[in-house]
Amino acid sequence: MTASIIDGKVIAERVREQVRQAVARMQEDYGYTPGLATVLVGENPASTTYVRSKRKTCEELGIRSVGSELPADATQQQVEHLVAALNADPAVNGILVQLPLPKHLDEEAVLNSISLEKDVDGFHPVNIGRLAMKGRDPLFIPCTPYGCIVLLEESGIPIRGAEAVIVGRSNIVGLPVAMLLQKRDATVTICHSRTRDLAEHVRRADIVIAAIGQTEMITGDMIKPGAAVIDVGINQKPDPTAKRGYRLVGDVDFESVKEVAGAITPVPGGVGPMTIAMLMKNTLRAAEIALAKRDR
């Protein structure tokens, strides 16, 4: 048995096309263009690349991109002042502060300063609180966890009643995706670096989401036959045959797991494309909220 491949590029493009069409209708019907502001502090190469990619995607989908950059030695006051200015700007519907911030800055305070209705990353405490509560819905869902759920749903993988195991408990992926699965009536187990008998927990799962940041940690002998495996990890594995001296791999040993699982995401090309696609969808939603308030 070889697992079917969940192609994140294809599914992300479907989401992007939906956003592109909705933005075009919004412009035609209301003369309104959604706007996304990206805040980049410092010159971290990876962060610079991510921000460039987000701005390019905005351009492709008809979303206005507002770039705001500060030097690496910017003060807490300067960063929060910039966020406050973007909060007050009616042309900006969503604000994304690129993480990580330089170590001297209070990351949580910066994120908390973003207006709830512009929190397109979904990390505002109120959004996370609503996500955690039964019968409540956040304005915005964190993009990578949101992407994981869409990958499962678009691939026809049943969530209701399924046993789901999340490997990793980060605020960015592990905890939010566990809450999303629970809202969809899965039975959820969260595993982490202190979990005893990790393999035993994973073997019970109909759905495995690996987001622990450990290269190829989840192996084929840990997987229940036919399980769906979503690999959020992205790690550099030394490879002298590769041009850069390494290749990108996930938290899942793809070669062994694909022989047991029913469906699996590749790395790259699985979860990664979904993160930016869901950010664009959240930005569109923020624009819809702003437009509804404008037209009251």
Protein backbone atom coordinates (compact mmCIF):
# COMPACT_ATOMS: atom_id res chain seq x y z
CA MET A 1 0.00 0.00 0.00
CA THR A 2 1.32 3.43 -0.93
CA ALA A 3 -0.34 6.56 0.42
CA SER A 4 -2.07 9.05 -1.81
CA ILE A 5 -0.26 12.39 -1.88
CA ILE A 6 -2.14 15.41 -0.53
CA ASP A 7 -0.97 18.11 -2.92
CA GLY A 8 -0.88 21.40 -1.00
CA LYS A 9 0.05 23.36 -4.10
CA VAL A 10 -3.10 22.31 -5.93
CA ILE A 11 -5.42 22.88 -2.97
CA ALA A 12 -3.77 26.22 -2.14
CA GLU A 13 -4.29 27.38 -5.72
CA ARG A 14 -7.99 26.60 -5.43
CA VAL A 15 -8.19 28.76 -2.29
CA ARG A 16 -6.20 31.52 -3.98
CA GLU A 17 -8.51 31.48 -7.00
CA GLN A 18 -11.56 31.79 -4.74
CA VAL A 19 -9.94 34.81 -3.06
CA ARG A 20 -8.92 36.31 -6.42
CA GLN A 21 -12.50 36.13 -7.71
CA ALA A 22 -13.97 37.52 -4.48
CA VAL A 23 -11.53 40.45 -4.50
CA ALA A 24 -12.44 41.23 -8.12
CA ARG A 25 -16.16 41.22 -7.23
CA MET A 26 -15.53 43.48 -4.24
CA GLN A 27 -13.67 45.95 -6.42
CA GLU A 28 -16.36 45.88 -9.11
CA ASP A 29 -19.37 46.06 -6.78
CA TYR A 30 -18.09 48.39 -4.08
CA GLY A 31 -14.92 50.01 -5.46
CA TYR A 32 -13.10 48.54 -2.45
CA THR A 33 -9.69 46.85 -2.41
CA PRO A 34 -8.53 44.76 0.58
CA GLY A 35 -5.20 45.82 2.08
CA LEU A 36 -2.61 43.77 3.97
CA ALA A 37 0.22 45.42 5.91
CA THR A 38 3.38 43.44 6.64
CA VAL A 39 5.69 44.62 9.42
CA LEU A 40 9.31 43.50 9.15
CA VAL A 41 11.76 44.37 11.94
CA GLY A 42 15.41 43.76 11.08
CA GLU A 43 16.93 41.87 8.18
CA ASN A 44 16.50 38.20 9.03
CA PRO A 45 16.99 36.50 5.62
CA ALA A 46 14.22 33.94 6.12
CA SER A 47 11.78 36.61 7.33
CA THR A 48 12.66 38.86 4.39
CA THR A 49 11.95 35.98 1.99
CA TYR A 50 8.62 35.17 3.65
CA VAL A 51 7.50 38.80 3.55
CA ARG A 52 8.49 39.12 -0.11
CA SER A 53 6.46 36.02 -0.92
CA LYS A 54 3.40 37.38 0.90
CA ARG A 55 3.63 40.70 -0.90
CA LYS A 56 3.94 38.94 -4.26
CA THR A 57 0.86 36.83 -3.52
CA CYS A 58 -1.10 39.97 -2.61
CA GLU A 59 -0.21 41.48 -5.96
CA GLU A 60 -1.31 38.33 -7.82
CA LEU A 61 -4.69 38.28 -6.07
CA GLY A 62 -5.46 41.99 -6.36
CA ILE A 63 -4.87 42.77 -2.68
CA ARG A 64 -3.09 46.00 -1.80
CA SER A 65 0.22 45.30 -0.03
CA VAL A 66 1.56 47.83 2.47
CA GLY A 67 5.17 47.19 3.44
CA SER A 68 6.48 48.60 6.72
CA GLU A 69 10.08 48.00 7.74
CA LEU A 70 12.01 48.96 10.86
CA PRO A 71 15.69 48.45 11.72
CA ALA A 72 16.76 45.58 13.96
CA ASP A 73 17.45 47.99 16.85
CA ALA A 74 13.93 49.49 16.78
CA THR A 75 12.49 50.07 20.23
CA GLN A 76 9.34 48.50 21.64
CA GLN A 77 7.69 51.91 21.47
CA GLN A 78 8.58 52.34 17.79
CA VAL A 79 7.15 48.96 16.82
CA GLU A 80 3.94 49.45 18.80
CA HIS A 81 3.59 53.00 17.43
CA LEU A 82 3.80 51.60 13.88
CA VAL A 83 1.15 48.98 14.67
CA ALA A 84 -1.10 51.66 16.15
CA ALA A 85 -0.78 53.74 12.97
CA LEU A 86 -1.74 50.70 10.85
CA ASN A 87 -4.68 49.99 13.20
CA ALA A 88 -5.94 53.51 12.46
CA ASP A 89 -5.42 53.30 8.69
CA PRO A 90 -8.75 52.50 6.95
CA ALA A 91 -6.88 51.28 3.86
CA VAL A 92 -5.33 48.46 5.92
CA ASN A 93 -7.59 45.50 6.67
CA GLY A 94 -5.01 43.07 7.97
CA ILE A 95 -1.73 43.45 9.86
CA LEU A 96 0.93 40.77 9.85
CA VAL A 97 3.96 41.21 12.09
CA GLN A 98 6.63 38.87 10.75
CA LEU A 99 8.05 36.61 13.47
CA PRO A 100 10.46 36.13 15.06
CA LEU A 101 11.09 39.66 16.26
CA PRO A 102 14.54 40.68 17.54
CA LYS A 103 15.08 39.26 21.04
CA HIS A 104 14.99 42.61 22.84
CA LEU A 105 11.35 43.13 21.82
CA ASP A 106 8.28 41.87 23.69
CA GLU A 107 6.67 39.77 20.98
CA GLU A 108 3.46 39.10 22.90
CA ALA A 109 2.90 42.79 23.60
CA VAL A 110 3.35 43.62 19.91
CA LEU A 111 0.89 40.95 18.80
CA ASN A 112 -1.61 42.02 21.44
CA SER A 113 -1.47 45.59 20.13
CA ILE A 114 -2.93 44.55 16.76
CA SER A 115 -6.61 45.40 16.43
CA LEU A 116 -8.83 42.34 16.82
CA GLU A 117 -10.49 43.04 13.47
CA LYS A 118 -7.10 43.23 11.71
CA ASP A 119 -5.56 40.15 13.36
CA VAL A 120 -5.33 38.11 10.14
CA ASP A 121 -2.66 35.86 11.71
CA GLY A 122 -5.27 34.80 14.27
CA PHE A 123 -3.02 35.12 17.33
CA HIS A 124 -4.85 37.83 19.28
CA PRO A 125 -5.77 36.44 22.76
CA VAL A 126 -9.48 37.02 22.06
CA ASN A 127 -9.32 35.07 18.80
CA ILE A 128 -7.45 32.20 20.47
CA GLY A 129 -9.85 32.32 23.42
CA ARG A 130 -12.86 32.03 21.13
CA LEU A 131 -11.18 29.18 19.28
CA ALA A 132 -10.76 27.33 22.58
CA MET A 133 -14.36 27.75 23.73
CA LYS A 134 -17.29 25.56 22.79
CA GLY A 135 -19.95 27.40 20.81
CA ARG A 136 -17.70 30.38 20.03
CA ASP A 137 -15.94 31.20 16.77
CA PRO A 138 -12.90 33.45 16.32
CA LEU A 139 -12.90 36.25 13.76
CA PHE A 140 -9.74 34.70 12.29
CA ILE A 141 -8.16 31.25 12.51
CA PRO A 142 -4.35 30.95 12.63
CA CYS A 143 -3.19 30.35 9.06
CA THR A 144 -1.12 27.16 9.28
CA PRO A 145 -3.62 25.24 11.47
CA TYR A 146 -6.42 26.50 9.21
CA GLY A 147 -4.48 25.17 6.22
CA CYS A 148 -4.09 21.74 7.85
CA ILE A 149 -7.85 21.45 8.31
CA VAL A 150 -8.57 22.53 4.73
CA LEU A 151 -6.08 19.93 3.44
CA LEU A 152 -7.97 17.20 5.32
CA GLU A 153 -11.41 18.43 4.26
CA GLU A 154 -10.49 18.97 0.61
CA SER A 155 -8.96 15.48 0.51
CA GLY A 156 -12.19 13.91 1.77
CA ILE A 157 -10.65 12.65 5.01
CA PRO A 158 -13.30 12.18 7.73
CA ILE A 159 -12.65 14.23 10.87
CA ARG A 160 -15.84 13.72 12.88
CA GLY A 161 -15.34 10.82 15.28
CA ALA A 162 -11.74 10.28 14.17
CA GLU A 163 -8.92 9.77 16.63
CA ALA A 164 -6.39 12.56 16.00
CA VAL A 165 -2.91 12.82 17.46
CA ILE A 166 -1.01 16.09 17.35
CA VAL A 167 2.74 15.81 17.85
CA GLY A 168 3.85 19.23 19.11
CA ARG A 169 2.14 21.77 21.35
CA SER A 170 3.28 25.15 20.04
CA ASN A 171 1.04 28.20 20.21
CA ILE A 172 1.46 28.62 16.45
CA VAL A 173 0.40 25.15 15.24
CA GLY A 174 -0.04 22.35 17.76
CA LEU A 175 -2.51 23.88 20.19
CA PRO A 176 -4.68 25.74 17.64
CA VAL A 177 -4.95 22.75 15.29
CA ALA A 178 -5.96 20.55 18.23
CA MET A 179 -8.77 22.99 19.04
CA LEU A 180 -9.90 23.08 15.41
CA LEU A 181 -10.05 19.28 15.25
CA GLN A 182 -11.97 19.15 18.51
CA LYS A 183 -14.51 21.67 17.16
CA ARG A 184 -15.03 19.25 14.27
CA ASP A 185 -15.76 16.41 16.71
CA ALA A 186 -12.45 14.54 16.53
CA THR A 187 -11.08 12.91 19.67
CA VAL A 188 -7.77 14.69 20.16
CA THR A 189 -4.52 13.75 21.90
CA ILE A 190 -1.68 16.28 22.12
CA CYS A 191 1.79 14.73 22.38
CA HIS A 192 5.08 16.52 23.05
CA SER A 193 8.70 16.03 24.11
CA ARG A 194 7.66 14.76 27.56
CA THR A 195 5.08 12.25 26.29
CA ARG A 196 5.70 8.67 27.39
CA ASP A 197 5.39 5.98 24.72
CA LEU A 198 4.88 8.46 21.87
CA ALA A 199 4.74 5.67 19.31
CA GLU A 200 1.83 4.01 21.12
CA HIS A 201 -0.20 7.22 21.01
CA VAL A 202 0.55 7.81 17.33
CA ARG A 203 -0.34 4.23 16.36
CA ARG A 204 -3.93 4.78 17.53
CA ALA A 205 -4.46 7.79 15.30
CA ASP A 206 -6.65 8.01 12.24
CA ILE A 207 -5.17 11.50 11.72
CA VAL A 208 -1.59 12.45 12.63
CA ILE A 209 -0.41 16.05 12.53
CA ALA A 210 3.34 16.35 13.08
CA ALA A 211 4.52 19.79 14.17
CA ILE A 212 7.35 19.24 16.63
CA GLY A 213 10.35 20.52 14.66
CA GLN A 214 12.35 17.27 14.77
CA THR A 215 13.74 15.93 11.51
CA GLU A 216 11.89 12.78 10.32
CA MET A 217 10.86 11.90 13.88
CA ILE A 218 7.64 10.11 12.89
CA THR A 219 8.45 6.81 11.18
CA GLY A 220 6.43 4.19 9.34
CA ASP A 221 6.34 1.75 12.26
CA MET A 222 4.50 4.40 14.31
CA ILE A 223 1.62 4.81 11.84
CA LYS A 224 -1.73 3.03 11.82
CA PRO A 225 -2.37 1.53 8.36
CA GLY A 226 -4.51 3.90 6.32
CA ALA A 227 -4.03 6.93 8.58
CA ALA A 228 -3.89 10.47 7.19
CA VAL A 229 -0.58 12.20 7.96
CA ILE A 230 -0.13 15.98 7.81
CA ASP A 231 3.52 17.03 8.08
CA VAL A 232 3.91 20.64 9.22
CA GLY A 233 7.66 20.40 9.85
CA ILE A 234 10.30 21.90 7.62
CA ASN A 235 13.89 21.01 8.44
CA GLN A 236 17.24 21.15 6.68
CA LYS A 237 18.78 17.71 6.29
CA PRO A 238 22.43 17.55 5.16
CA ASP A 239 22.72 16.18 1.63
CA PRO A 240 26.08 16.50 -0.18
CA THR A 241 24.38 15.72 -3.50
CA ALA A 242 22.10 18.77 -3.22
CA LYS A 243 23.16 22.11 -4.65
CA ARG A 244 22.84 23.86 -1.29
CA GLY A 245 24.35 20.99 0.67
CA TYR A 246 21.02 20.13 2.25
CA ARG A 247 17.45 19.27 1.34
CA LEU A 248 14.19 20.16 3.02
CA VAL A 249 12.39 17.40 4.91
CA GLY A 250 9.58 17.33 7.42
CA ASP A 251 8.99 15.91 10.87
CA VAL A 252 7.81 12.72 9.14
CA ASP A 253 10.06 10.12 7.50
CA PHE A 254 8.21 10.35 4.21
CA GLU A 255 9.66 7.23 2.58
CA SER A 256 8.71 4.83 5.37
CA VAL A 257 5.40 6.49 6.29
CA LYS A 258 4.03 6.61 2.75
CA GLU A 259 4.14 2.80 2.64
CA VAL A 260 1.72 2.57 5.59
CA ALA A 261 -0.43 5.72 5.58
CA GLY A 262 -3.55 6.21 3.50
CA ALA A 263 -2.72 9.84 2.69
CA ILE A 264 0.29 12.06 3.36
CA THR A 265 1.51 15.60 2.67
CA PRO A 266 4.97 16.03 1.11
CA VAL A 267 7.64 18.48 2.26
CA PRO A 268 7.92 20.82 0.51
CA GLY A 269 4.61 21.22 -1.30
CA GLY A 270 2.19 20.20 1.42
CA VAL A 271 1.28 22.52 4.29
CA GLY A 272 3.60 25.35 3.25
CA PRO A 273 1.57 26.70 0.29
CA MET A 274 -1.58 26.59 2.42
CA THR A 275 -0.27 29.02 5.04
CA ILE A 276 -0.09 31.99 2.65
CA ALA A 277 -3.33 30.97 0.94
CA MET A 278 -5.20 31.04 4.26
CA LEU A 279 -3.58 34.39 5.12
CA MET A 280 -5.08 35.79 1.92
CA LYS A 281 -8.46 34.30 2.82
CA ASN A 282 -8.28 35.89 6.27
CA THR A 283 -7.39 39.25 4.68
CA LEU A 284 -10.42 39.00 2.44
CA ARG A 285 -12.59 38.28 5.49
CA ALA A 286 -11.13 41.31 7.28
CA ALA A 287 -12.05 43.45 4.27
CA GLU A 288 -15.59 42.05 4.28
CA ILE A 289 -15.92 42.96 7.96
CA ALA A 290 -14.64 46.50 7.33
CA LEU A 291 -16.91 46.93 4.32
CA ALA A 292 -19.97 45.79 6.28
CA LYS A 293 -19.22 48.35 9.00
CA ARG A 294 -18.70 51.09 6.40
CA ASP A 295 -22.03 50.44 4.74
CA ARG A 296 -24.15 50.34 7.90
